[in-house]
Structure formats: C-alpha cells, structure tokens
Amino acid sequence: MHPDTQQARDRAEAIFKKKEERLREGQQAMAEYEAARAATREKTARLRALRLARDAALKTPIPPAQKQPAAQKQSA
C-alpha cells in the first residue's frame, strides 16, 4: 500500500474513532442529566407531600372573626 494512502486511512480512522467517542460521551452525559433530573423531580414531589401533610396536621380551625362595633362618628 502506498504510504500516502496508509496515512490518509489512518487519519480517517482516527477522526472516525474520535467522532464515535464524542457521540458515546454525549449519550452518557445526557443519560446522567436525565437521571439527575428525575431524581430532583422525585425528591421535590416527596418533600412537597411531606410539607402538605405537615401543614394539614398543624392546621387548626380558625374561628370566624367577630364583628367589632363600628366606631360612632361624632357630629361637630
């Protein structure tokens, strides 16, 4: 095989391998991102449920406000 042809083939294979590696790394990064996003959603939902349960347990009936007699205006 001609040396120039071999160098071109080696260069093309190296470029191809780099592209494959970048693609693989991109897919792995996206999977990690999605996993972190799902974990955050689950944690938020769990904490929200706990907060709502706590608030419901602490909620005490508030008596209706009593009307106070209106202050009488004095005529001048």
Protein backbone atom coordinates (compact mmCIF):
# COMPACT_ATOMS: atom_id res chain seq x y z
CA MET A 1 0.00 0.00 0.00
CA HIS A 2 1.23 3.46 -0.78
CA PRO A 3 2.44 5.44 2.28
CA ASP A 4 0.18 8.42 1.48
CA THR A 5 -2.83 6.13 1.21
CA GLN A 6 -1.98 4.48 4.52
CA GLN A 7 -1.61 7.88 6.24
CA ALA A 8 -4.94 9.04 4.83
CA ARG A 9 -6.61 5.84 6.01
CA ASP A 10 -5.06 6.16 9.49
CA ARG A 11 -6.16 9.79 9.71
CA ALA A 12 -9.70 8.91 8.61
CA GLU A 13 -9.89 6.10 11.17
CA ALA A 14 -8.64 8.40 13.92
CA ILE A 15 -11.25 11.01 13.02
CA PHE A 16 -13.95 8.34 12.94
CA LYS A 17 -12.93 6.99 16.35
CA LYS A 18 -12.94 10.49 17.85
CA LYS A 19 -16.44 11.11 16.48
CA GLU A 20 -17.65 7.80 17.89
CA GLU A 21 -16.12 8.60 21.28
CA ARG A 22 -17.74 12.06 21.35
CA LEU A 23 -21.08 10.52 20.45
CA ARG A 24 -20.73 7.95 23.23
CA GLU A 25 -19.73 10.62 25.75
CA GLY A 26 -22.66 12.78 24.69
CA GLN A 27 -25.09 9.93 25.17
CA GLN A 28 -23.62 9.15 28.59
CA ALA A 29 -23.81 12.81 29.64
CA MET A 30 -27.43 13.00 28.53
CA ALA A 31 -28.29 9.85 30.47
CA GLU A 32 -26.65 11.29 33.59
CA TYR A 33 -28.52 14.56 33.11
CA GLU A 34 -31.86 12.78 32.75
CA ALA A 35 -31.16 10.65 35.84
CA ALA A 36 -30.34 13.73 37.91
CA ARG A 37 -33.44 15.48 36.61
CA ALA A 38 -35.66 12.51 37.52
CA ALA A 39 -34.10 12.31 40.99
CA THR A 40 -34.76 16.02 41.52
CA ARG A 41 -38.41 15.63 40.45
CA GLU A 42 -38.88 12.66 42.80
CA LYS A 43 -37.25 14.47 45.71
CA THR A 44 -39.34 17.58 45.09
CA ALA A 45 -42.55 15.53 44.96
CA ARG A 46 -41.64 13.71 48.18
CA LEU A 47 -40.80 16.93 50.00
CA ARG A 48 -43.97 18.59 48.76
CA ALA A 49 -46.07 15.68 50.02
CA LEU A 50 -44.36 15.86 53.41
CA ARG A 51 -44.91 19.62 53.58
CA LEU A 52 -48.59 19.33 52.68
CA ALA A 53 -49.10 16.55 55.24
CA ARG A 54 -47.36 18.62 57.91
CA ASP A 55 -49.42 21.70 57.08
CA ALA A 56 -52.65 19.69 57.14
CA ALA A 57 -51.76 18.19 60.52
CA LEU A 58 -50.91 21.59 62.01
CA LYS A 59 -53.94 23.33 60.60
CA THR A 60 -56.35 24.27 63.37
CA PRO A 61 -59.81 25.58 62.72
CA ILE A 62 -59.76 29.34 62.80
CA PRO A 63 -62.83 30.80 64.50
CA PRO A 64 -64.75 33.25 62.35
CA ALA A 65 -63.79 36.83 63.06
CA GLN A 66 -66.25 38.64 65.27
CA LYS A 67 -67.52 41.91 64.00
CA GLN A 68 -66.47 44.76 66.17
CA PRO A 69 -68.94 47.57 66.62
CA ALA A 70 -68.14 50.39 64.28
CA ALA A 71 -66.84 53.49 65.97
CA GLN A 72 -69.59 56.10 66.10
CA LYS A 73 -68.84 59.31 64.38
CA GLN A 74 -69.38 62.42 66.39
CA SER A 75 -71.04 65.34 64.69
CA ALA A 76 -69.26 68.64 65.09
